[in-house]
């Protein structure tokens, strides 16, 4: 599968994934309460964003036919 996520988009995904993962840790330790959202769900969402940013591949972009990656 070829890359379909641009460099800036990838950096934003990684930053957001790290922030969401940190939020998941705070929820899991009880330091922060978030209604209706579990620590496991936040952790999974953070992990997905980090992996997508690191590999610069997004399955949803592929399904929708979006290609935000310039020619390398």
Protein backbone atom coordinates (compact mmCIF):
# COMPACT_ATOMS: atom_id res chain seq x y z
CA UNK A 1 0.00 0.00 0.00
CA UNK A 2 1.51 3.33 -1.01
CA UNK A 3 1.66 6.34 1.28
CA UNK A 4 -1.39 8.57 1.20
CA UNK A 5 -0.73 10.88 4.17
CA UNK A 6 1.37 14.02 3.77
CA UNK A 7 4.25 14.97 6.03
CA UNK A 8 2.43 17.70 7.96
CA UNK A 9 -0.68 15.52 8.34
CA UNK A 10 1.53 12.71 9.68
CA UNK A 11 3.15 15.00 12.25
CA UNK A 12 -0.27 16.25 13.40
CA UNK A 13 -1.51 12.65 13.72
CA UNK A 14 1.51 11.67 15.82
CA UNK A 15 1.14 14.71 18.09
CA UNK A 16 -2.60 14.10 18.53
CA UNK A 17 -1.99 10.39 19.16
CA UNK A 18 0.55 11.13 21.89
CA UNK A 19 -1.83 13.64 23.50
CA UNK A 20 -4.73 11.17 23.43
CA UNK A 21 -2.51 8.39 24.80
CA UNK A 22 -1.40 10.67 27.65
CA UNK A 23 -5.07 11.45 28.34
CA UNK A 24 -5.75 7.70 28.43
CA UNK A 25 -3.03 7.24 31.05
CA UNK A 26 -4.55 10.03 33.18
CA UNK A 27 -8.00 8.44 32.92
CA UNK A 28 -6.61 4.98 33.75
CA UNK A 29 -4.82 6.23 36.86
CA UNK A 30 -7.90 8.08 38.06
CA UNK A 31 -6.26 11.51 37.89
CA UNK A 32 -8.87 12.65 35.39
CA UNK A 33 -12.44 11.59 34.75
CA UNK A 34 -13.97 11.66 31.30
CA UNK A 35 -17.66 10.85 30.88
CA UNK A 36 -18.63 7.98 28.56
CA UNK A 37 -15.08 7.42 27.33
CA UNK A 38 -12.91 4.63 28.65
CA UNK A 39 -9.15 4.60 29.01
CA UNK A 40 -8.95 1.59 26.69
CA UNK A 41 -10.85 3.42 23.93
CA UNK A 42 -8.66 6.49 24.28
CA UNK A 43 -5.53 4.36 24.26
CA UNK A 44 -6.64 2.53 21.11
CA UNK A 45 -7.47 5.79 19.33
CA UNK A 46 -4.10 7.24 20.30
CA UNK A 47 -2.27 4.13 19.10
CA UNK A 48 -4.07 4.18 15.74
CA UNK A 49 -3.15 7.82 15.16
CA UNK A 50 0.49 7.22 16.09
CA UNK A 51 0.77 4.20 13.76
CA UNK A 52 -0.94 6.04 10.89
CA UNK A 53 1.35 9.02 11.34
CA UNK A 54 4.50 6.91 11.57
CA UNK A 55 3.69 4.80 8.50
CA UNK A 56 2.02 7.70 6.61
CA UNK A 57 -0.75 5.34 5.53
CA UNK A 58 -4.45 5.77 6.35
CA UNK A 59 -6.99 3.08 5.50
CA UNK A 60 -9.90 5.54 5.56
CA UNK A 61 -8.10 7.81 3.07
CA UNK A 62 -7.54 4.77 0.85
CA UNK A 63 -11.22 3.77 0.95
CA UNK A 64 -12.29 7.34 0.15
CA UNK A 65 -9.67 7.73 -2.59
CA UNK A 66 -7.86 10.60 -0.87
CA UNK A 67 -4.14 11.03 -1.51
CA UNK A 68 -2.52 13.85 0.47
CA UNK A 69 1.03 12.66 -0.05
CA UNK A 70 3.08 14.60 -2.59
CA UNK A 71 5.46 12.68 -4.83
CA UNK A 72 8.49 11.74 -2.71
